[in-house]
Amino acid sequence: MAITNETTRAQTLGELKNSSWVDRPIREEMRINLENKIASGQPLTSAVLGYEDTVLPQIETAILAGHDMILLGERGQAKTRMIRSLVDLLDEWMPIIAGSDVRDNPYSPISAFGRDQIAALGDDTPIDWVHRSFRFAEKLASPDTSMADLIGEVDPIKVAGGLYLDDPRALSFGLVPKSNRGIFAINELPDLSERIQVGLLNVLEERDVQIRGHLVRLDLDVIVVATANPEDYTNRGRLITPLKDRFGSQIRTHYPLDVITEIAIMKQEAKLPTSPVPIVIPWFIDDIVARISHVARASHVLNQKSGVSVRLSIANYETVVANALRRTLRTGDAEVVPRLSDLSAVVQSTQGKIEIDAFDDGESDQIIAALVGLAVRQCFTENFVLEEAGDIVEAFTNEVIVHTGDDLAVQDYLTTLASLPVLEGPVRRVAGPSATPGEMAAATEFILEGLHLTKRLAKDSSGSRALYRTRKR
C-alpha cells in the first residue's frame, strides 16, 4: 500500500512492524496496482499515443502474468518512454534499511550490510523511505558494458581499508543489484557481448547474481524489461538463445498506424519556439508534416530496417514553425503562420533521421523533396475537392504568373488574391471562414502547389521560391 503522509512513515524497524505497511514482492505490487487501474477505468499510461488497442493490452497481460518483458521495435517507437511509465505502477513509497546499497527489505535483507544492521540493532534499525521515481534503473547496452557495470566487482578501496577479498562487505554492486525491489531496464539488449548476456541468465531465471569467485547469492526482487531492434533480435543472432528464453513476454511495437495519431504525437512532443506574435498552424501543415514520415516509411528508396522515427515528424514540425518565425521577424507580419514554402527547411531536420540505401552526393535533397511533394499531393487529393480548378487554370492562361516563397510578406499573397478573384473561394474553404491574412496566404500556397502536383499548373522553383504559371500545351 502507498504511504504518502511523511509524518506517518516509520523511522525504525519496530515502528514499521507496528504500521500498516504491507510487504509484497514487486511483481505482486505492480499486478495489484494495475488491477486497480483497470478496474477504475484508467489507462496503463497516457504518455504514449497510438498503442491503446495494440501494445498496451500486451504489456498489461505481461504484468498481470508477472513476466519479464522485451519490447521489439525500430527506433523512435516510444519503447523507452513506455518502460519508464511502468514506474507509475509501483507504490509511492517503499521502506528500506537506511544506508543499504541494494535497498534491503527491512523484513528480509539480502546483503551482508542489511543482515548486520538487523543483527546489531534489531527493532531500532533505522528505516529510509524511497520514492517510486528512484526505483527505476536504466542502462544503454554497448559492447564495452562489463560485468562490473551490471552485477558488481570487488572494491579495491574497501580491500585497502582492511577487508579481505572474500569478505562480502568488500563488494561494490552494479546496476542490477542496486535495482533490487524495482525495475531494471536495458536498452538495445543485443549490443551486449555474449559473455555479459550469459551473466544475465541467473538474474532472469534464478533471481540471483554471482560476483567473480565470491560465494554470494543475492535473492533479488527485480523486474527486467529490455528493448531491441527486431533485426538484431531475430536475424543476426546477436542475442543468445537461452537469454531469449528467459523473457516471459515478447511484445512488438510499431509506428503510428494513421496520420491522425502521428499528428497528435507530433503536437504533444514538439517544443515550438517562443514568438513575439501568435503562432497559428494551419491544419494542412499538421497533416503534411506528419504525412512525410508515413510516406518515408513506405519508400523503397529508404532503408526500412533502420526505421523512420516519430522524432522525424517532431523535428520537422519544429523546423517548419521556426522557419516561419524567421520570416515573420523579417517581414513584420502580425502572426507566425507556416506555409508550404517553409517545408524546404525540413531538409536539415530530415537528413540525419533517414537512411537512404544508395545515392550520389546531393541526391538526398532531391529524395527528401520528392517525399515532401508526395505528402503534399496526398493531403491535397484526400482532403480537398477543388471544384474551381478549371476556372483557376483558365485564369492562368491570360499570362498570369504567381510568385511564392518563404521570404514574402502576407500582403504579397493578398495582392495575388485580389488579382485572381477565382482563387478566393477555394482559399476560404481551405483556411476557414474566419481565417486571418496569414492563414489565407498559407492556403493560397497550398492550392497552387496542389494544382501543380495534380498536373494543372506548371512550376519553376529554386529552393523555397516558386513561380506558378500555365502549362505549355
Protein backbone atom coordinates (compact mmCIF):
# COMPACT_ATOMS: atom_id res chain seq x y z
CA MET A 1 0.00 0.00 0.00
CA ALA A 2 1.17 3.54 -0.66
CA ILE A 3 2.10 5.77 2.27
CA THR A 4 2.04 9.44 1.35
CA ASN A 5 1.95 11.30 4.66
CA GLU A 6 5.55 11.87 5.74
CA THR A 7 4.63 12.17 9.42
CA THR A 8 3.17 8.64 9.42
CA ARG A 9 6.23 6.91 7.97
CA ALA A 10 8.06 4.60 10.32
CA GLN A 11 11.62 5.62 11.19
CA THR A 12 12.73 2.31 12.73
CA LEU A 13 12.09 -1.37 12.12
CA GLY A 14 9.99 -1.57 15.25
CA GLU A 15 7.76 1.28 14.11
CA LEU A 16 7.46 -0.35 10.69
CA LYS A 17 6.23 -3.60 12.24
CA ASN A 18 3.51 -1.67 14.05
CA SER A 19 2.50 0.32 10.93
CA SER A 20 0.01 -0.54 8.19
CA TRP A 21 2.70 -1.10 5.56
CA VAL A 22 2.32 -4.40 3.72
CA ASP A 23 5.38 -6.24 2.41
CA ARG A 24 4.92 -7.79 -1.02
CA PRO A 25 7.19 -8.69 -3.97
CA ILE A 26 7.44 -6.17 -6.79
CA ARG A 27 5.55 -8.37 -9.24
CA GLU A 28 2.64 -8.64 -6.87
CA GLU A 29 2.86 -4.92 -6.12
CA MET A 30 2.66 -3.97 -9.80
CA ARG A 31 -0.04 -6.54 -10.52
CA ILE A 32 -2.31 -5.27 -7.73
CA ASN A 33 -1.80 -1.63 -8.69
CA LEU A 34 -2.54 -2.45 -12.35
CA GLU A 35 -5.66 -4.39 -11.37
CA ASN A 36 -6.88 -1.31 -9.51
CA LYS A 37 -6.17 0.89 -12.53
CA ILE A 38 -8.02 -1.39 -14.92
CA ALA A 39 -10.98 -1.77 -12.55
CA SER A 40 -11.28 2.02 -12.23
CA GLY A 41 -11.14 2.55 -15.99
CA GLN A 42 -7.72 4.21 -16.03
CA PRO A 43 -5.26 3.57 -18.87
CA LEU A 44 -1.94 1.90 -18.19
CA THR A 45 -0.26 5.12 -19.31
CA SER A 46 -1.25 8.35 -21.03
CA ALA A 47 2.33 9.14 -22.03
CA VAL A 48 2.21 7.04 -25.23
CA LEU A 49 -0.34 7.52 -28.01
CA GLY A 50 -1.41 5.02 -30.66
CA TYR A 51 -0.86 1.84 -28.63
CA GLU A 52 -4.20 1.70 -26.85
CA ASP A 53 -5.50 -1.28 -28.83
CA THR A 54 -2.23 -2.99 -29.74
CA VAL A 55 0.80 -2.75 -27.46
CA LEU A 56 -0.65 -1.63 -24.13
CA PRO A 57 -3.00 -4.65 -23.75
CA GLN A 58 0.00 -6.95 -24.23
CA ILE A 59 2.02 -5.09 -21.59
CA GLU A 60 -0.92 -5.29 -19.17
CA THR A 61 -1.14 -9.03 -19.74
CA ALA A 62 2.60 -9.45 -19.16
CA ILE A 63 2.43 -7.52 -15.88
CA LEU A 64 -0.58 -9.50 -14.67
CA ALA A 65 1.35 -12.67 -15.51
CA GLY A 66 4.42 -11.42 -13.64
CA HIS A 67 6.67 -11.65 -16.69
CA ASP A 68 9.94 -10.01 -17.57
CA MET A 69 9.44 -8.36 -20.98
CA ILE A 70 11.34 -7.46 -24.09
CA LEU A 71 9.95 -4.83 -26.45
CA LEU A 72 10.90 -5.27 -30.10
CA GLY A 73 10.70 -2.28 -32.39
CA GLU A 74 12.59 0.09 -34.66
CA ARG A 75 13.94 3.37 -33.37
CA GLY A 76 11.50 6.08 -32.37
CA GLN A 77 8.61 3.82 -31.31
CA ALA A 78 8.44 5.10 -27.71
CA LYS A 79 9.84 1.89 -26.22
CA THR A 80 11.90 3.67 -23.58
CA ARG A 81 9.11 6.05 -22.69
CA MET A 82 6.72 3.17 -22.24
CA ILE A 83 9.15 1.36 -19.95
CA ARG A 84 9.67 4.46 -17.83
CA SER A 85 5.91 4.86 -17.43
CA LEU A 86 5.78 1.49 -15.63
CA VAL A 87 7.13 3.27 -12.55
CA ASP A 88 3.60 4.59 -12.02
CA LEU A 89 2.54 1.04 -11.12
CA LEU A 90 4.82 1.00 -8.08
CA ASP A 91 3.70 2.07 -4.61
CA GLU A 92 4.55 5.69 -3.99
CA TRP A 93 6.91 4.98 -1.07
CA MET A 94 8.90 1.91 -0.08
CA PRO A 95 10.87 1.33 3.16
CA ILE A 96 14.49 0.17 3.08
CA ILE A 97 17.19 -0.35 5.67
CA ALA A 98 18.89 3.04 5.87
CA GLY A 99 22.23 3.10 4.04
CA SER A 100 21.68 -0.09 2.05
CA ASP A 101 23.16 -0.15 -1.47
CA VAL A 102 20.67 -2.76 -2.62
CA ARG A 103 17.56 -1.29 -0.99
CA ASP A 104 17.33 -4.10 1.56
CA ASN A 105 13.84 -5.08 2.63
CA PRO A 106 13.74 -4.48 6.43
CA TYR A 107 11.89 -7.79 6.85
CA SER A 108 14.26 -9.88 4.69
CA PRO A 109 17.61 -8.21 3.94
CA ILE A 110 19.74 -9.79 1.22
CA SER A 111 23.08 -8.02 1.74
CA ALA A 112 25.68 -8.54 4.45
CA PHE A 113 25.22 -4.91 5.43
CA GLY A 114 21.48 -5.30 5.90
CA ARG A 115 21.76 -8.51 7.87
CA ASP A 116 24.46 -6.99 10.12
CA GLN A 117 22.24 -3.97 10.81
CA ILE A 118 19.29 -6.13 11.84
CA ALA A 119 21.51 -8.37 13.98
CA ALA A 120 23.12 -5.43 15.77
CA LEU A 121 20.17 -3.04 16.16
CA GLY A 122 17.06 -5.21 15.97
CA ASP A 123 13.90 -3.13 16.09
CA ASP A 124 16.00 0.04 16.38
CA THR A 125 17.36 -0.45 12.84
CA PRO A 126 16.84 2.91 11.06
CA ILE A 127 14.50 2.98 8.07
CA ASP A 128 14.61 5.19 4.97
CA TRP A 129 11.75 5.64 2.52
CA VAL A 130 12.39 5.53 -1.23
CA HIS A 131 10.03 7.22 -3.68
CA ARG A 132 8.92 5.15 -6.66
CA SER A 133 10.69 7.52 -9.07
CA PHE A 134 14.00 6.19 -7.70
CA ARG A 135 13.05 2.54 -8.12
CA PHE A 136 13.89 2.55 -11.81
CA ALA A 137 17.37 1.98 -13.28
CA GLU A 138 18.21 2.14 -16.96
CA LYS A 139 21.26 1.05 -18.92
CA LEU A 140 22.03 1.51 -22.61
CA ALA A 141 23.76 -1.68 -23.69
CA SER A 142 27.05 -1.43 -25.54
CA PRO A 143 29.82 -3.89 -26.45
CA ASP A 144 32.05 -2.48 -23.71
CA THR A 145 29.49 -2.96 -20.94
CA SER A 146 31.17 -5.06 -18.24
CA MET A 147 30.03 -7.45 -15.55
CA ALA A 148 31.14 -4.88 -13.01
CA ASP A 149 28.70 -2.37 -14.56
CA LEU A 150 25.73 -4.73 -14.35
CA ILE A 151 26.47 -7.12 -11.48
CA GLY A 152 29.35 -5.80 -9.41
CA GLU A 153 33.02 -6.13 -8.53
CA VAL A 154 35.38 -6.35 -5.58
CA ASP A 155 36.07 -2.76 -4.46
CA PRO A 156 39.87 -2.25 -4.13
CA ILE A 157 39.31 0.75 -1.88
CA LYS A 158 37.39 -1.39 0.60
CA VAL A 159 40.09 -4.03 0.46
CA ALA A 160 42.75 -1.40 1.05
CA GLY A 161 40.73 -0.32 4.07
CA GLY A 162 41.29 -3.69 5.74
CA LEU A 163 38.62 -6.04 4.36
CA TYR A 164 39.57 -9.45 2.98
CA LEU A 165 38.96 -10.22 -0.68
CA ASP A 166 36.40 -12.88 0.24
CA ASP A 167 34.52 -10.60 2.64
CA PRO A 168 31.07 -9.87 1.15
CA ARG A 169 31.37 -6.36 2.52
CA ALA A 170 34.22 -5.77 0.05
CA LEU A 171 31.82 -5.96 -2.88
CA SER A 172 30.72 -2.96 -4.92
CA PHE A 173 27.36 -3.70 -6.52
CA GLY A 174 26.37 -2.98 -10.12
CA LEU A 175 23.13 -1.66 -11.54
CA VAL A 176 21.15 -4.90 -11.32
CA PRO A 177 21.59 -5.48 -7.55
CA LYS A 178 21.05 -1.75 -6.97
CA SER A 179 17.71 -2.16 -8.78
CA ASN A 180 16.53 -4.63 -6.14
CA ARG A 181 12.81 -4.16 -5.40
CA GLY A 182 12.48 -2.08 -8.55
CA ILE A 183 12.54 -2.10 -12.35
CA PHE A 184 15.75 -2.62 -14.30
CA ALA A 185 15.62 -1.60 -17.97
CA ILE A 186 18.29 -2.37 -20.53
CA ASN A 187 18.03 -0.78 -23.96
CA GLU A 188 19.37 -2.40 -27.15
CA LEU A 189 19.97 -5.71 -25.38
CA PRO A 190 21.65 -7.48 -28.36
CA ASP A 191 24.52 -4.98 -28.20
CA LEU A 192 25.80 -6.70 -25.06
CA SER A 193 28.66 -9.10 -25.65
CA GLU A 194 27.74 -12.78 -25.35
CA ARG A 195 29.78 -13.11 -22.17
CA ILE A 196 27.71 -10.43 -20.48
CA GLN A 197 24.47 -11.90 -21.81
CA VAL A 198 25.38 -15.17 -20.11
CA GLY A 199 25.82 -13.22 -16.87
CA LEU A 200 22.21 -12.08 -17.07
CA LEU A 201 20.82 -15.61 -17.23
CA ASN A 202 20.85 -16.10 -13.47
CA VAL A 203 19.23 -12.72 -12.92
CA LEU A 204 16.29 -13.57 -15.15
CA GLU A 205 15.78 -17.15 -14.05
CA GLU A 206 17.10 -17.75 -10.54
CA ARG A 207 16.92 -14.09 -9.46
CA ASP A 208 20.42 -14.13 -8.04
CA VAL A 209 23.86 -12.88 -9.01
CA GLN A 210 27.39 -14.22 -8.64
CA ILE A 211 30.39 -11.92 -8.47
CA ARG A 212 33.71 -13.39 -9.59
CA GLY A 213 34.76 -16.16 -7.18
CA HIS A 214 32.56 -14.94 -4.31
CA LEU A 215 30.04 -17.40 -2.99
CA VAL A 216 27.43 -14.66 -2.80
CA ARG A 217 23.82 -15.17 -3.70
CA LEU A 218 21.54 -12.16 -3.69
CA ASP A 219 17.90 -13.12 -3.77
CA LEU A 220 16.92 -10.18 -5.98
CA ASP A 221 13.36 -8.97 -6.30
CA VAL A 222 13.51 -7.20 -9.64
CA ILE A 223 11.60 -6.93 -12.91
CA VAL A 224 13.74 -6.80 -16.04
CA VAL A 225 12.44 -5.00 -19.13
CA ALA A 226 14.58 -4.86 -22.27
CA THR A 227 14.34 -3.34 -25.73
CA ALA A 228 15.81 -4.50 -29.02
CA ASN A 229 15.63 -3.85 -32.74
CA PRO A 230 13.83 -6.78 -34.43
CA GLU A 231 16.64 -7.06 -36.98
CA ASP A 232 19.22 -7.58 -34.25
CA TYR A 233 16.97 -9.78 -32.17
CA THR A 234 15.88 -12.30 -34.75
CA ASN A 235 18.09 -12.31 -37.84
CA ARG A 236 21.67 -11.60 -36.95
CA GLY A 237 21.81 -13.94 -34.00
CA ARG A 238 23.24 -11.28 -31.72
CA LEU A 239 21.15 -12.42 -28.77
CA ILE A 240 21.94 -15.84 -27.32
CA THR A 241 19.02 -18.26 -27.42
CA PRO A 242 18.98 -19.06 -23.67
CA LEU A 243 18.57 -15.37 -22.87
CA LYS A 244 15.65 -15.04 -25.28
CA ASP A 245 14.01 -17.93 -23.50
CA ARG A 246 14.21 -16.17 -20.13
CA PHE A 247 11.81 -13.36 -21.11
CA GLY A 248 8.24 -14.30 -20.36
CA SER A 249 6.69 -11.91 -22.90
CA GLN A 250 7.94 -10.56 -26.21
CA ILE A 251 5.98 -7.53 -27.39
CA ARG A 252 6.20 -5.91 -30.83
CA THR A 253 5.87 -2.14 -31.03
CA HIS A 254 5.04 -0.14 -34.16
CA TYR A 255 4.91 3.32 -35.66
CA PRO A 256 1.62 5.29 -35.62
CA LEU A 257 -0.85 3.48 -37.83
CA ASP A 258 -2.52 6.62 -39.18
CA VAL A 259 -1.74 10.27 -39.83
CA ILE A 260 -4.14 11.48 -37.14
CA THR A 261 -2.20 9.64 -34.43
CA GLU A 262 1.11 10.92 -35.83
CA ILE A 263 -0.24 14.48 -35.65
CA ALA A 264 -1.34 14.00 -32.04
CA ILE A 265 2.11 12.72 -31.04
CA MET A 266 3.83 15.46 -33.00
CA LYS A 267 1.81 18.23 -31.37
CA GLN A 268 2.23 16.67 -27.93
CA GLU A 269 6.01 16.37 -28.17
CA ALA A 270 7.11 19.34 -30.27
CA LYS A 271 8.77 22.22 -28.44
CA LEU A 272 7.88 25.22 -30.55
CA PRO A 273 9.95 28.41 -30.40
CA THR A 274 8.72 31.39 -28.43
CA SER A 275 7.38 34.19 -30.57
CA PRO A 276 6.53 37.88 -30.01
CA VAL A 277 3.37 37.33 -32.09
CA PRO A 278 0.83 34.49 -32.11
CA ILE A 279 1.72 31.20 -33.83
CA VAL A 280 -1.11 29.79 -35.96
CA ILE A 281 -0.51 26.46 -37.69
CA PRO A 282 -2.96 25.54 -40.49
CA TRP A 283 -4.47 22.06 -40.45
CA PHE A 284 -2.85 21.09 -43.75
CA ILE A 285 0.64 21.88 -42.41
CA ASP A 286 -0.03 19.49 -39.49
CA ASP A 287 -1.20 16.86 -41.95
CA ILE A 288 1.67 17.25 -44.43
CA VAL A 289 4.45 17.21 -41.83
CA ALA A 290 3.04 14.03 -40.25
CA ARG A 291 2.43 12.50 -43.67
CA ILE A 292 6.06 12.99 -44.71
CA SER A 293 7.04 10.35 -42.13
CA HIS A 294 4.32 7.97 -43.33
CA VAL A 295 5.45 8.39 -46.94
CA ALA A 296 9.06 7.80 -45.88
CA ARG A 297 8.12 4.56 -44.10
CA ALA A 298 6.67 3.23 -47.34
CA SER A 299 9.51 4.39 -49.58
CA HIS A 300 11.61 1.74 -51.33
CA VAL A 301 14.47 4.25 -51.57
CA LEU A 302 14.96 4.38 -47.79
CA ASN A 303 16.39 1.67 -45.57
CA GLN A 304 13.30 0.46 -43.75
CA LYS A 305 15.26 -1.83 -41.42
CA SER A 306 16.64 1.22 -39.63
CA GLY A 307 13.14 2.69 -39.36
CA VAL A 308 11.79 6.22 -39.71
CA SER A 309 11.39 7.55 -36.21
CA VAL A 310 8.47 9.61 -34.94
CA ARG A 311 11.24 12.03 -33.97
CA LEU A 312 11.38 12.89 -37.68
CA SER A 313 7.83 14.30 -37.52
CA ILE A 314 8.59 16.20 -34.32
CA ALA A 315 11.84 17.71 -35.64
CA ASN A 316 10.25 18.65 -38.97
CA TYR A 317 7.32 20.29 -37.20
CA GLU A 318 9.65 22.37 -35.05
CA THR A 319 11.74 23.30 -38.09
CA VAL A 320 8.78 24.42 -40.21
CA VAL A 321 7.47 26.66 -37.42
CA ALA A 322 10.95 28.05 -36.76
CA ASN A 323 11.38 28.89 -40.45
CA ALA A 324 8.02 30.66 -40.44
CA LEU A 325 9.09 32.61 -37.34
CA ARG A 326 12.32 33.64 -39.06
CA ARG A 327 10.31 35.08 -41.96
CA THR A 328 7.82 36.83 -39.69
CA LEU A 329 10.57 38.58 -37.77
CA ARG A 330 11.85 40.00 -41.07
CA THR A 331 8.52 40.90 -42.68
CA GLY A 332 6.82 42.21 -39.54
CA ASP A 333 3.63 40.22 -40.18
CA ALA A 334 1.08 40.09 -37.36
CA GLU A 335 1.35 36.33 -36.76
CA VAL A 336 3.52 33.32 -37.49
CA VAL A 337 1.78 31.06 -40.00
CA PRO A 338 3.82 28.25 -41.62
CA ARG A 339 3.32 27.79 -45.37
CA LEU A 340 4.26 25.10 -47.86
CA SER A 341 7.33 27.12 -48.84
CA ASP A 342 8.59 26.61 -45.28
CA LEU A 343 8.77 22.87 -45.99
CA SER A 344 12.01 23.47 -47.87
CA ALA A 345 13.63 23.82 -44.45
CA VAL A 346 12.89 20.22 -43.46
CA VAL A 347 15.92 19.01 -45.42
CA GLN A 348 18.11 19.95 -42.46
CA SER A 349 15.92 18.13 -39.94
CA THR A 350 15.34 15.08 -42.15
CA GLN A 351 18.78 14.15 -43.45
CA GLY A 352 20.06 12.81 -40.14
CA LYS A 353 16.92 10.78 -39.41
CA ILE A 354 16.60 8.66 -42.53
CA GLU A 355 18.97 6.21 -44.21
CA ILE A 356 18.97 6.23 -47.98
CA ASP A 357 20.05 2.90 -49.45
CA ALA A 358 22.25 4.29 -52.20
CA PHE A 359 22.67 7.77 -53.60
CA ASP A 360 25.20 10.17 -55.04
CA ASP A 361 26.26 13.35 -53.28
CA GLY A 362 23.50 15.91 -53.47
CA GLU A 363 20.81 13.36 -54.32
CA SER A 364 19.47 13.24 -50.76
CA ASP A 365 17.95 16.71 -51.18
CA GLN A 366 16.04 15.51 -54.22
CA ILE A 367 14.79 12.41 -52.40
CA ILE A 368 13.56 14.48 -49.46
CA ALA A 369 11.88 16.95 -51.84
CA ALA A 370 10.13 14.01 -53.54
CA LEU A 371 8.89 12.72 -50.17
CA VAL A 372 7.54 16.18 -49.31
CA GLY A 373 5.88 16.50 -52.72
CA LEU A 374 4.15 13.13 -52.35
CA ALA A 375 2.92 14.07 -48.86
CA VAL A 376 1.51 17.37 -50.16
CA ARG A 377 -0.24 15.66 -53.07
CA GLN A 378 -1.81 13.04 -50.81
CA CYS A 379 -3.02 15.69 -48.38
CA PHE A 380 -4.46 17.79 -51.21
CA THR A 381 -6.27 14.98 -53.01
CA GLU A 382 -7.58 13.24 -49.87
CA ASN A 383 -8.84 16.30 -48.01
CA PHE A 384 -9.89 18.89 -50.56
CA VAL A 385 -12.18 18.95 -53.58
CA LEU A 386 -11.30 21.86 -55.86
CA GLU A 387 -14.40 22.45 -57.91
CA GLU A 388 -13.00 25.67 -59.37
CA ALA A 389 -9.82 24.03 -60.70
CA GLY A 390 -10.76 24.63 -64.33
CA ASP A 391 -11.59 28.30 -63.75
CA ILE A 392 -8.29 28.86 -61.88
CA VAL A 393 -6.27 27.20 -64.64
CA GLU A 394 -8.18 29.27 -67.20
CA ALA A 395 -7.22 32.44 -65.34
CA PHE A 396 -3.56 31.47 -65.63
CA THR A 397 -3.81 31.23 -69.42
CA ASN A 398 -4.04 35.01 -69.55
CA GLU A 399 -0.31 35.26 -68.92
CA VAL A 400 -0.80 35.31 -65.15
CA ILE A 401 2.27 34.35 -63.09
CA VAL A 402 2.23 33.94 -59.30
CA HIS A 403 5.34 34.07 -57.12
CA THR A 404 5.56 32.35 -53.72
CA GLY A 405 8.35 31.93 -51.23
CA ASP A 406 9.26 31.74 -47.57
CA ASP A 407 10.56 35.33 -47.68
CA LEU A 408 7.39 37.00 -48.97
CA ALA A 409 5.13 39.02 -46.68
CA VAL A 410 1.46 38.22 -46.23
CA GLN A 411 0.48 41.31 -48.22
CA ASP A 412 2.04 39.85 -51.37
CA TYR A 413 -0.42 36.96 -51.21
CA LEU A 414 -3.38 39.23 -50.56
CA THR A 415 -2.39 41.15 -53.67
CA THR A 416 -2.36 37.88 -55.61
CA LEU A 417 -5.84 37.00 -54.37
CA ALA A 418 -7.08 40.43 -55.41
CA SER A 419 -5.74 39.88 -58.93
CA LEU A 420 -7.20 36.35 -59.11
CA PRO A 421 -10.72 36.56 -57.61
CA VAL A 422 -11.42 32.94 -58.63
CA LEU A 423 -8.89 31.82 -56.02
CA GLU A 424 -10.57 33.47 -53.06
CA GLY A 425 -13.43 30.99 -52.66
CA PRO A 426 -11.23 27.89 -52.55
CA VAL A 427 -8.74 29.65 -50.29
CA ARG A 428 -11.54 30.50 -47.86
CA ARG A 429 -12.69 26.90 -47.82
CA VAL A 430 -9.20 25.65 -47.04
CA ALA A 431 -8.34 28.31 -44.48
CA GLY A 432 -11.77 28.54 -42.83
CA PRO A 433 -14.41 31.29 -42.79
CA SER A 434 -12.67 33.27 -40.04
CA ALA A 435 -9.17 32.88 -41.46
CA THR A 436 -6.56 35.51 -40.73
CA PRO A 437 -4.49 37.09 -43.55
CA GLY A 438 -1.60 34.77 -42.67
CA GLU A 439 -3.81 31.69 -42.98
CA MET A 440 -5.13 32.97 -46.31
CA ALA A 441 -1.55 33.28 -47.58
CA ALA A 442 -0.75 29.73 -46.46
CA ALA A 443 -3.93 28.35 -48.08
CA THR A 444 -3.05 30.13 -51.33
CA GLU A 445 0.28 28.31 -51.48
CA PHE A 446 -1.43 25.02 -50.66
CA ILE A 447 -3.91 25.32 -53.53
CA LEU A 448 -1.32 26.45 -56.06
CA GLU A 449 1.01 23.57 -55.12
CA GLY A 450 -1.92 21.15 -55.25
CA LEU A 451 -2.75 22.30 -58.77
CA HIS A 452 0.87 21.83 -59.76
CA LEU A 453 1.16 18.35 -58.25
CA THR A 454 -2.07 17.28 -59.99
CA LYS A 455 -0.52 18.50 -63.26
CA ARG A 456 -2.76 21.50 -63.86
CA LEU A 457 -0.19 24.26 -63.37
CA ALA A 458 3.49 24.45 -64.21
CA LYS A 459 6.03 25.42 -61.60
CA ASP A 460 9.55 26.78 -61.72
CA SER A 461 11.28 26.54 -58.37
CA SER A 462 14.56 27.37 -56.74
CA GLY A 463 14.89 26.48 -53.06
CA SER A 464 11.88 27.90 -51.24
CA ARG A 465 10.98 30.29 -54.08
CA ALA A 466 8.47 29.19 -56.72
CA LEU A 467 6.75 30.60 -59.78
CA TYR A 468 3.41 29.14 -60.91
CA ARG A 469 2.24 29.54 -64.48
CA THR A 470 0.12 27.86 -67.12
CA ARG A 471 1.33 24.56 -68.52
CA LYS A 472 2.59 24.56 -72.09
CA ARG A 473 0.34 22.76 -74.49
